[in-house]
Amino acid sequence: MASLKEKLASQIPALRQDVRGLVKEHGAKVISEVTVTQAFGGMRGVKSLICDTSLVEPEKGLIIRGIPIGELTDRMPEEIFYLLCTGELPYKATLEDLQKEFKDRSTVPAYVWDVLRAMPADAHPMVMLSTGIMAMEGESVFRKKYTEGIKREEYWEYILEDSLQLIAKLPALAAGVYRIRFNKGDLIPSDPSLDWAGDFAHMLGIPDPTGEFANLMRLYLTLHCDHEGGNVSAFTSHVVASALSDPYYAVSAGLNGLAGPLHGLANQECLKFVLALKDKYSGVPDDEALKKFTWDTLNSGQVIPGYGHAVLRVTDPRFTAFHAFGQRVCPDDEVFKIVARLFAVVPDILKEQGKAKDPYPNVDAGSGSLLYHFGMTEFPYYTVLFGISRVLGFCSQMIIERALAIPITRPKSVGTDWVKNFVAKK
């Protein structure tokens, strides 16, 4: 079976020809218009990016290369990365080849641990993860080859090389951040017999006698892998990479965007809400109490964390996957039971209130409760898990963009006075 690199090499010439033909024949056609509201509102809904790895459909949810995410919940993250890059799921031999590539590249340089241990004791885990990645930038093969002088058609090969190196090291790096930051003891060596996510769970050191925590990590790192190209972290990574900054720079930049409270911190906020409910009612409240609490929250001008989505108009299939996992593994856990009861109560209330465009739960409504169940109670670390997974999307998008020679991102900006004059003329 062909390796990931060989598979991409066989696909890229046709992809280049397809894009060149599309631009040549239809380059002048308009695919989107921008309103004043969109210009001042974060460009929401403006079609101005190309992302071939994933799509979010309002009535279907996240779709990875044409496959709904709900159909990929039994797949490992390595398979998802291959799918993101090539549009195909790997055969067994190809998957094993990719897993060996990751194992061969998985050792984090010793100097990275020196850097992380020198950081303040209260450093945020996302700062530590981003710093660890930036510390390794000197390892970039793409930067070295670009400095030596390579053809533009070869860029993707070295972006792939850097991506494989970086993704391979993420489990050990992220597990090391957890153990150093939260005083969990010595670093735990990698187990070469384990898969990418399973080894990550092992190196975290969280007790896992049933193996279900490792299964949760496989599911978690699959479900968060990609989300189109316009979200803050993916778009930031894309913009930085478009300047031909290597993947270490671009991934670190994307993670810094993910660390923002409006992007990657949602699941811990949802969990705090659930734990507050548990404390208030000394356990799992009944439906009437939940209904009253929900209405009181809404009437006070607050929102219900974990409900609503910028694009979706149905229950997030990723929430459905986490909910099914919880029902199977920890149905009697009080925190998870509250999540399940909220799911039964909140959508109807939000429909009755009539303000929410999407009254259904998103991925963050349930994931935190499952982490909490297994003893990962360090909320600031939750975004690191999100980040490890999302790097799969960052890197696959970078590889494809360099293969297609997508140019530097440089939209035109105008001032408020320009807009005033423009609308006045209209």
Protein backbone atom coordinates (compact mmCIF):
# COMPACT_ATOMS: atom_id res chain seq x y z
CA MET A 1 0.00 0.00 0.00
CA ALA A 2 1.15 3.54 -0.70
CA SER A 3 2.37 5.68 2.18
CA LEU A 4 0.68 8.98 2.98
CA LYS A 5 3.36 10.86 1.04
CA GLU A 6 3.06 8.54 -1.96
CA LYS A 7 -0.72 8.85 -1.92
CA LEU A 8 -0.55 12.63 -1.87
CA ALA A 9 2.07 12.66 -4.61
CA SER A 10 -0.29 10.65 -6.83
CA GLN A 11 -3.24 13.00 -6.13
CA ILE A 12 -1.65 16.44 -6.25
CA PRO A 13 -1.04 16.83 -10.03
CA ALA A 14 -4.75 16.30 -10.76
CA LEU A 15 -5.74 18.63 -7.91
CA ARG A 16 -3.48 21.37 -9.29
CA GLN A 17 -4.88 20.95 -12.78
CA ASP A 18 -8.45 21.03 -11.47
CA VAL A 19 -7.92 24.25 -9.50
CA ARG A 20 -6.04 25.97 -12.33
CA GLY A 21 -8.82 25.10 -14.75
CA LEU A 22 -11.49 26.31 -12.34
CA VAL A 23 -9.75 29.65 -11.82
CA LYS A 24 -9.00 30.09 -15.52
CA GLU A 25 -12.57 29.40 -16.64
CA HIS A 26 -14.57 30.89 -13.77
CA GLY A 27 -12.16 33.24 -12.01
CA ALA A 28 -14.32 36.34 -12.53
CA LYS A 29 -17.51 34.85 -11.12
CA VAL A 30 -18.82 36.24 -7.80
CA ILE A 31 -19.40 33.70 -5.01
CA SER A 32 -20.19 36.07 -2.14
CA GLU A 33 -21.11 39.64 -1.28
CA VAL A 34 -20.20 41.51 1.89
CA THR A 35 -22.69 43.62 3.82
CA VAL A 36 -21.79 46.43 6.20
CA THR A 37 -23.02 44.23 9.05
CA GLN A 38 -20.62 41.46 8.03
CA ALA A 39 -17.71 43.86 7.66
CA PHE A 40 -18.24 45.13 11.21
CA GLY A 41 -19.33 41.71 12.52
CA GLY A 42 -16.28 39.54 12.11
CA MET A 43 -16.89 38.59 8.45
CA ARG A 44 -19.44 36.00 9.56
CA GLY A 45 -20.91 34.15 6.61
CA VAL A 46 -18.64 35.73 3.99
CA LYS A 47 -17.55 33.05 1.51
CA SER A 48 -13.92 33.97 0.95
CA LEU A 49 -11.88 30.87 1.88
CA ILE A 50 -11.25 27.48 0.33
CA CYS A 51 -11.19 24.52 2.71
CA ASP A 52 -11.35 21.04 1.23
CA THR A 53 -10.80 19.07 4.44
CA SER A 54 -14.16 19.63 6.15
CA LEU A 55 -17.53 21.31 5.94
CA VAL A 56 -20.17 22.21 8.54
CA GLU A 57 -23.73 21.81 7.26
CA PRO A 58 -26.48 23.49 9.34
CA GLU A 59 -28.72 20.41 9.22
CA LYS A 60 -26.00 17.75 9.32
CA GLY A 61 -23.05 18.99 11.34
CA LEU A 62 -19.37 18.41 10.71
CA ILE A 63 -18.50 16.50 7.55
CA ILE A 64 -14.94 15.27 7.05
CA ARG A 65 -14.11 14.83 3.36
CA GLY A 66 -17.72 13.93 2.56
CA ILE A 67 -18.20 11.65 5.59
CA PRO A 68 -20.41 12.84 8.48
CA ILE A 69 -18.45 12.91 11.74
CA GLY A 70 -21.04 10.62 13.32
CA GLU A 71 -19.87 7.86 10.98
CA LEU A 72 -16.24 8.24 12.07
CA THR A 73 -16.56 7.81 15.84
CA ASP A 74 -15.03 4.33 15.76
CA ARG A 75 -11.96 5.57 13.88
CA MET A 76 -8.61 6.52 15.37
CA PRO A 77 -7.14 10.01 14.97
CA GLU A 78 -4.37 8.67 12.73
CA GLU A 79 -7.03 7.46 10.30
CA ILE A 80 -8.73 10.85 10.46
CA PHE A 81 -5.47 12.65 9.61
CA TYR A 82 -5.01 10.42 6.57
CA LEU A 83 -8.61 11.08 5.57
CA LEU A 84 -8.19 14.85 6.00
CA CYS A 85 -5.11 14.83 3.78
CA THR A 86 -6.24 12.46 1.03
CA GLY A 87 -10.02 12.21 1.13
CA GLU A 88 -9.76 8.47 1.77
CA LEU A 89 -9.61 6.30 4.86
CA PRO A 90 -6.40 4.26 5.00
CA TYR A 91 -6.15 0.52 4.47
CA LYS A 92 -4.80 -1.47 7.40
CA ALA A 93 -1.26 -1.60 6.03
CA THR A 94 -1.28 2.13 5.24
CA LEU A 95 -2.52 2.94 8.74
CA GLU A 96 0.22 0.81 10.26
CA ASP A 97 2.79 2.60 8.10
CA LEU A 98 1.54 5.99 9.31
CA GLN A 99 1.51 4.83 12.93
CA LYS A 100 5.12 3.67 12.55
CA GLU A 101 6.02 7.08 11.09
CA PHE A 102 4.58 8.72 14.20
CA LYS A 103 6.35 6.31 16.55
CA ASP A 104 9.71 6.85 14.84
CA ARG A 105 9.36 10.63 15.27
CA SER A 106 7.72 10.78 18.70
CA THR A 107 10.66 11.72 20.95
CA VAL A 108 10.47 15.29 22.24
CA PRO A 109 13.92 16.97 22.34
CA ALA A 110 15.34 17.26 25.86
CA TYR A 111 15.73 21.03 25.56
CA VAL A 112 11.93 21.39 25.33
CA TRP A 113 11.53 19.94 28.82
CA ASP A 114 14.17 22.37 30.09
CA VAL A 115 12.15 25.25 28.62
CA LEU A 116 8.85 24.07 30.10
CA ARG A 117 10.29 23.41 33.55
CA ALA A 118 11.77 26.92 33.57
CA MET A 119 8.33 28.51 33.07
CA PRO A 120 6.38 30.01 36.00
CA ALA A 121 4.62 27.46 38.19
CA ASP A 122 1.24 28.99 37.33
CA ALA A 123 1.81 29.17 33.55
CA HIS A 124 -1.32 28.33 31.58
CA PRO A 125 -1.15 24.87 29.96
CA MET A 126 -1.94 26.38 26.56
CA VAL A 127 1.01 28.75 26.92
CA MET A 128 3.20 25.77 27.77
CA LEU A 129 1.95 23.77 24.77
CA SER A 130 2.44 26.68 22.39
CA THR A 131 5.86 27.44 23.86
CA GLY A 132 6.93 23.81 23.56
CA ILE A 133 5.99 23.81 19.88
CA MET A 134 7.77 27.10 19.23
CA ALA A 135 10.85 25.82 21.05
CA MET A 136 11.09 23.07 18.42
CA GLU A 137 10.90 25.46 15.46
CA GLY A 138 14.61 24.97 14.83
CA GLU A 139 13.74 21.39 13.84
CA SER A 140 11.73 22.60 10.82
CA VAL A 141 12.79 20.83 7.64
CA PHE A 142 10.66 23.16 5.53
CA ARG A 143 12.50 26.24 6.79
CA LYS A 144 15.89 24.64 6.11
CA LYS A 145 14.91 23.52 2.62
CA TYR A 146 13.32 26.86 1.77
CA THR A 147 16.51 28.63 2.84
CA GLU A 148 18.55 26.30 0.63
CA GLY A 149 16.19 26.95 -2.28
CA ILE A 150 13.49 24.55 -3.41
CA LYS A 151 10.82 24.67 -6.11
CA ARG A 152 7.36 25.87 -5.13
CA GLU A 153 5.96 22.53 -6.32
CA GLU A 154 8.02 20.82 -3.60
CA TYR A 155 6.82 22.93 -0.66
CA TRP A 156 4.10 20.48 0.35
CA GLU A 157 6.61 17.64 0.80
CA TYR A 158 8.47 19.46 3.55
CA ILE A 159 5.29 20.83 5.11
CA LEU A 160 4.22 17.19 5.31
CA GLU A 161 7.54 16.25 6.88
CA ASP A 162 7.22 18.98 9.52
CA SER A 163 3.59 18.01 10.12
CA LEU A 164 4.48 14.37 10.71
CA GLN A 165 7.25 15.40 13.10
CA LEU A 166 5.02 17.77 15.02
CA ILE A 167 1.93 15.55 15.23
CA ALA A 168 4.10 12.61 16.31
CA LYS A 169 5.46 14.59 19.26
CA LEU A 170 2.16 16.08 20.42
CA PRO A 171 1.09 13.21 22.72
CA ALA A 172 4.33 13.25 24.70
CA LEU A 173 4.52 17.05 24.71
CA ALA A 174 0.93 17.55 25.84
CA ALA A 175 1.15 14.78 28.46
CA GLY A 176 4.38 16.35 29.72
CA VAL A 177 2.64 19.72 30.04
CA TYR A 178 -0.04 18.06 32.17
CA ARG A 179 2.41 16.32 34.48
CA ILE A 180 4.75 19.31 34.87
CA ARG A 181 2.08 21.98 35.30
CA PHE A 182 -0.07 20.03 37.76
CA ASN A 183 2.76 18.39 39.72
CA LYS A 184 1.89 14.84 38.72
CA GLY A 185 5.40 13.47 39.12
CA ASP A 186 7.96 12.28 36.61
CA LEU A 187 7.23 12.13 32.90
CA ILE A 188 5.89 8.75 31.79
CA PRO A 189 7.76 7.12 28.89
CA SER A 190 5.91 6.34 25.69
CA ASP A 191 4.61 2.81 25.16
CA PRO A 192 5.54 1.88 21.57
CA SER A 193 2.82 -0.77 21.45
CA LEU A 194 0.04 1.82 21.75
CA ASP A 195 -1.70 3.94 19.14
CA TRP A 196 -1.35 7.75 19.05
CA ALA A 197 -4.28 8.61 21.35
CA GLY A 198 -3.86 5.51 23.50
CA ASP A 199 -0.24 6.41 24.17
CA PHE A 200 -1.29 9.95 25.07
CA ALA A 201 -3.75 8.58 27.64
CA HIS A 202 -0.99 6.32 28.99
CA MET A 203 1.52 9.19 29.34
CA LEU A 204 -1.00 11.39 31.17
CA GLY A 205 -0.90 8.87 34.00
CA ILE A 206 -4.61 8.94 34.80
CA PRO A 207 -5.67 5.54 36.21
CA ASP A 208 -7.47 3.57 33.52
CA PRO A 209 -8.13 -0.01 34.64
CA THR A 210 -10.95 -0.52 32.12
CA GLY A 211 -9.24 1.17 29.17
CA GLU A 212 -12.24 3.48 28.72
CA PHE A 213 -10.26 6.66 29.39
CA ALA A 214 -8.04 5.75 26.43
CA ASN A 215 -11.21 5.17 24.39
CA LEU A 216 -12.45 8.62 25.43
CA MET A 217 -9.17 10.17 24.26
CA ARG A 218 -9.50 8.40 20.91
CA LEU A 219 -13.04 9.74 20.55
CA TYR A 220 -12.16 13.23 21.79
CA LEU A 221 -9.18 13.62 19.46
CA THR A 222 -11.25 12.39 16.53
CA LEU A 223 -14.29 14.61 17.11
CA HIS A 224 -12.33 17.87 17.41
CA CYS A 225 -10.02 17.28 14.43
CA ASP A 226 -11.23 20.01 12.05
CA HIS A 227 -14.06 22.52 11.59
CA GLU A 228 -13.79 24.22 8.20
CA GLY A 229 -11.25 27.01 7.62
CA GLY A 230 -12.94 30.09 9.04
CA ASN A 231 -12.91 29.48 12.78
CA VAL A 232 -10.38 31.56 14.71
CA SER A 233 -7.74 28.87 15.21
CA ALA A 234 -7.87 27.36 11.72
CA PHE A 235 -7.98 30.76 10.04
CA THR A 236 -5.09 32.07 12.15
CA SER A 237 -3.01 29.02 11.32
CA HIS A 238 -3.92 29.43 7.63
CA VAL A 239 -2.94 33.11 7.52
CA VAL A 240 0.42 32.52 9.20
CA ALA A 241 1.19 29.53 6.98
CA SER A 242 0.23 31.53 3.88
CA ALA A 243 3.30 33.70 4.54
CA LEU A 244 5.33 30.47 4.20
CA SER A 245 5.97 30.40 7.92
CA ASP A 246 6.68 26.77 8.77
CA PRO A 247 4.16 24.55 10.62
CA TYR A 248 5.74 25.20 14.01
CA TYR A 249 4.98 28.91 13.67
CA ALA A 250 1.56 28.34 12.13
CA VAL A 251 0.39 25.67 14.57
CA SER A 252 1.52 27.70 17.56
CA ALA A 253 -0.36 30.71 16.20
CA GLY A 254 -3.51 28.66 15.70
CA LEU A 255 -3.33 27.31 19.24
CA ASN A 256 -2.95 30.82 20.58
CA GLY A 257 -6.25 31.66 18.87
CA LEU A 258 -7.85 28.53 20.29
CA ALA A 259 -6.90 29.67 23.80
CA GLY A 260 -9.34 32.57 23.61
CA PRO A 261 -12.45 32.33 25.81
CA LEU A 262 -14.77 32.76 22.81
CA HIS A 263 -13.27 29.76 21.02
CA GLY A 264 -11.62 26.93 22.95
CA LEU A 265 -12.72 27.41 26.55
CA ALA A 266 -16.37 26.51 26.10
CA ASN A 267 -16.37 22.97 27.48
CA GLN A 268 -14.92 24.01 30.83
CA GLU A 269 -17.52 26.76 31.12
CA CYS A 270 -20.24 24.19 30.43
CA LEU A 271 -18.83 21.90 33.10
CA LYS A 272 -18.72 24.72 35.64
CA PHE A 273 -22.42 25.33 34.94
CA VAL A 274 -23.23 21.63 35.49
CA LEU A 275 -21.19 21.46 38.70
CA ALA A 276 -22.94 24.57 40.01
CA LEU A 277 -26.25 22.80 39.43
CA LYS A 278 -25.00 19.73 41.27
CA ASP A 279 -23.90 21.85 44.24
CA LYS A 280 -27.13 23.85 44.33
CA TYR A 281 -29.31 20.76 44.44
CA SER A 282 -26.86 18.47 46.28
CA GLY A 283 -27.04 15.99 43.45
CA VAL A 284 -29.11 15.54 40.31
CA PRO A 285 -32.09 17.91 40.21
CA ASP A 286 -35.44 16.67 38.92
CA ASP A 287 -36.91 18.01 35.69
CA GLU A 288 -39.08 20.63 37.37
CA ALA A 289 -36.10 22.06 39.24
CA LEU A 290 -34.06 22.05 36.02
CA LYS A 291 -36.82 23.85 34.15
CA LYS A 292 -37.05 26.53 36.84
CA PHE A 293 -33.26 26.94 36.95
CA THR A 294 -33.11 27.23 33.16
CA TRP A 295 -35.85 29.86 33.02
CA ASP A 296 -34.29 31.80 35.91
CA THR A 297 -30.95 31.77 34.07
CA LEU A 298 -32.48 32.98 30.81
CA ASN A 299 -34.65 35.62 32.50
CA SER A 300 -31.57 37.04 34.20
CA GLY A 301 -30.07 37.73 30.76
CA GLN A 302 -27.62 34.80 30.80
CA VAL A 303 -27.31 31.93 28.35
CA ILE A 304 -27.25 28.18 28.90
CA PRO A 305 -23.62 27.13 28.25
CA GLY A 306 -23.25 24.46 25.60
CA TYR A 307 -26.47 25.27 23.76
CA GLY A 308 -26.53 27.00 20.38
CA HIS A 309 -24.07 27.10 17.51
CA ALA A 310 -23.04 29.67 14.93
CA VAL A 311 -23.82 27.33 12.03
CA LEU A 312 -25.70 24.26 13.25
CA ARG A 313 -29.49 24.07 13.53
CA VAL A 314 -29.62 20.52 14.89
CA THR A 315 -28.05 18.66 17.81
CA ASP A 316 -24.31 18.60 17.20
CA PRO A 317 -23.42 15.03 16.11
CA ARG A 318 -20.27 15.34 18.22
CA PHE A 319 -22.44 15.88 21.31
CA THR A 320 -24.44 12.82 20.27
CA ALA A 321 -21.23 10.78 20.17
CA PHE A 322 -20.10 11.97 23.61
CA HIS A 323 -23.61 11.40 25.00
CA ALA A 324 -23.62 7.83 23.68
CA PHE A 325 -20.19 7.23 25.22
CA GLY A 326 -21.42 8.50 28.59
CA GLN A 327 -24.57 6.39 28.43
CA ARG A 328 -22.41 3.34 27.84
CA VAL A 329 -19.57 4.02 30.26
CA CYS A 330 -20.87 6.15 33.14
CA PRO A 331 -24.68 6.42 33.03
CA ASP A 332 -24.92 6.68 36.83
CA ASP A 333 -22.31 9.42 37.23
CA GLU A 334 -24.15 12.40 38.74
CA VAL A 335 -22.38 15.00 36.63
CA PHE A 336 -23.12 13.12 33.43
CA LYS A 337 -26.73 12.54 34.53
CA ILE A 338 -27.20 16.31 34.83
CA VAL A 339 -25.83 16.74 31.30
CA ALA A 340 -28.30 14.12 30.07
CA ARG A 341 -31.24 15.74 31.92
CA LEU A 342 -30.34 19.18 30.54
CA PHE A 343 -30.43 17.66 27.05
CA ALA A 344 -33.96 16.43 27.74
CA VAL A 345 -35.18 19.77 29.15
CA VAL A 346 -33.32 22.75 27.68
CA PRO A 347 -34.10 22.55 23.92
CA ASP A 348 -37.87 22.81 24.47
CA ILE A 349 -37.41 25.79 26.79
CA LEU A 350 -35.17 27.58 24.30
CA LYS A 351 -37.72 26.92 21.55
CA GLU A 352 -40.46 28.37 23.76
CA GLN A 353 -38.33 31.42 24.56
CA GLY A 354 -37.80 31.91 20.85
CA LYS A 355 -34.50 33.78 20.92
CA ALA A 356 -32.04 31.01 20.11
CA LYS A 357 -31.45 30.25 16.43
CA ASP A 358 -30.16 26.85 17.49
CA PRO A 359 -31.73 25.48 20.71
CA TYR A 360 -29.71 22.25 20.66
CA PRO A 361 -26.51 21.20 22.45
CA ASN A 362 -23.11 21.60 20.81
CA VAL A 363 -20.01 19.48 21.32
CA ASP A 364 -18.97 21.33 24.48
CA ALA A 365 -22.18 20.56 26.39
CA GLY A 366 -21.05 17.07 27.33
CA SER A 367 -17.33 16.54 26.82
CA GLY A 368 -16.21 18.15 30.08
CA SER A 369 -18.40 15.87 32.20
CA LEU A 370 -16.67 12.82 30.74
CA LEU A 371 -13.19 14.19 31.44
CA TYR A 372 -14.33 14.98 34.98
CA HIS A 373 -15.64 11.44 35.43
CA PHE A 374 -12.20 9.97 34.78
CA GLY A 375 -10.50 12.32 37.24
CA MET A 376 -9.16 15.00 34.92
CA THR A 377 -10.42 17.90 37.03
CA GLU A 378 -7.87 20.50 35.95
CA PHE A 379 -10.12 22.77 33.87
CA PRO A 380 -7.34 24.91 32.31
CA TYR A 381 -5.97 21.78 30.64
CA TYR A 382 -9.13 20.96 28.72
CA THR A 383 -8.28 23.33 25.86
CA VAL A 384 -4.98 21.48 25.37
CA LEU A 385 -6.98 18.37 24.44
CA PHE A 386 -8.96 20.43 21.93
CA GLY A 387 -5.67 21.78 20.56
CA ILE A 388 -3.97 18.41 20.09
CA SER A 389 -6.88 17.27 17.97
CA ARG A 390 -7.25 20.48 16.00
CA VAL A 391 -3.59 20.34 14.92
CA LEU A 392 -4.62 17.46 12.65
CA GLY A 393 -6.82 19.93 10.79
CA PHE A 394 -4.27 22.75 10.80
CA CYS A 395 -1.59 20.54 9.28
CA SER A 396 -3.76 18.81 6.68
CA GLN A 397 -5.00 22.20 5.47
CA MET A 398 -1.41 23.48 5.27
CA ILE A 399 -0.24 20.49 3.25
CA ILE A 400 -3.03 20.90 0.71
CA GLU A 401 -2.63 24.68 0.48
CA ARG A 402 1.08 24.44 -0.27
CA ALA A 403 0.44 21.66 -2.79
CA LEU A 404 -2.01 23.96 -4.60
CA ALA A 405 0.27 26.99 -4.25
CA ILE A 406 -2.41 29.02 -2.48
CA PRO A 407 -0.95 32.56 -2.20
CA ILE A 408 -0.52 34.71 0.86
CA THR A 409 -3.78 35.80 2.50
CA ARG A 410 -4.16 39.55 2.16
CA PRO A 411 -7.74 40.87 2.20
CA LYS A 412 -8.30 44.59 1.65
CA SER A 413 -9.35 46.67 4.65
CA VAL A 414 -11.23 49.96 4.62
CA GLY A 415 -11.90 52.52 7.32
CA THR A 416 -15.16 53.49 8.99
CA ASP A 417 -15.18 56.79 7.11
CA TRP A 418 -14.83 54.91 3.82
CA VAL A 419 -17.90 52.84 4.71
CA LYS A 420 -19.86 55.98 5.66
CA ASN A 421 -19.02 57.62 2.33
CA PHE A 422 -19.79 54.44 0.41
CA VAL A 423 -23.25 53.91 1.92
CA ALA A 424 -24.01 57.63 1.52
CA LYS A 425 -23.38 57.35 -2.23
CA LYS A 426 -25.61 54.29 -2.42
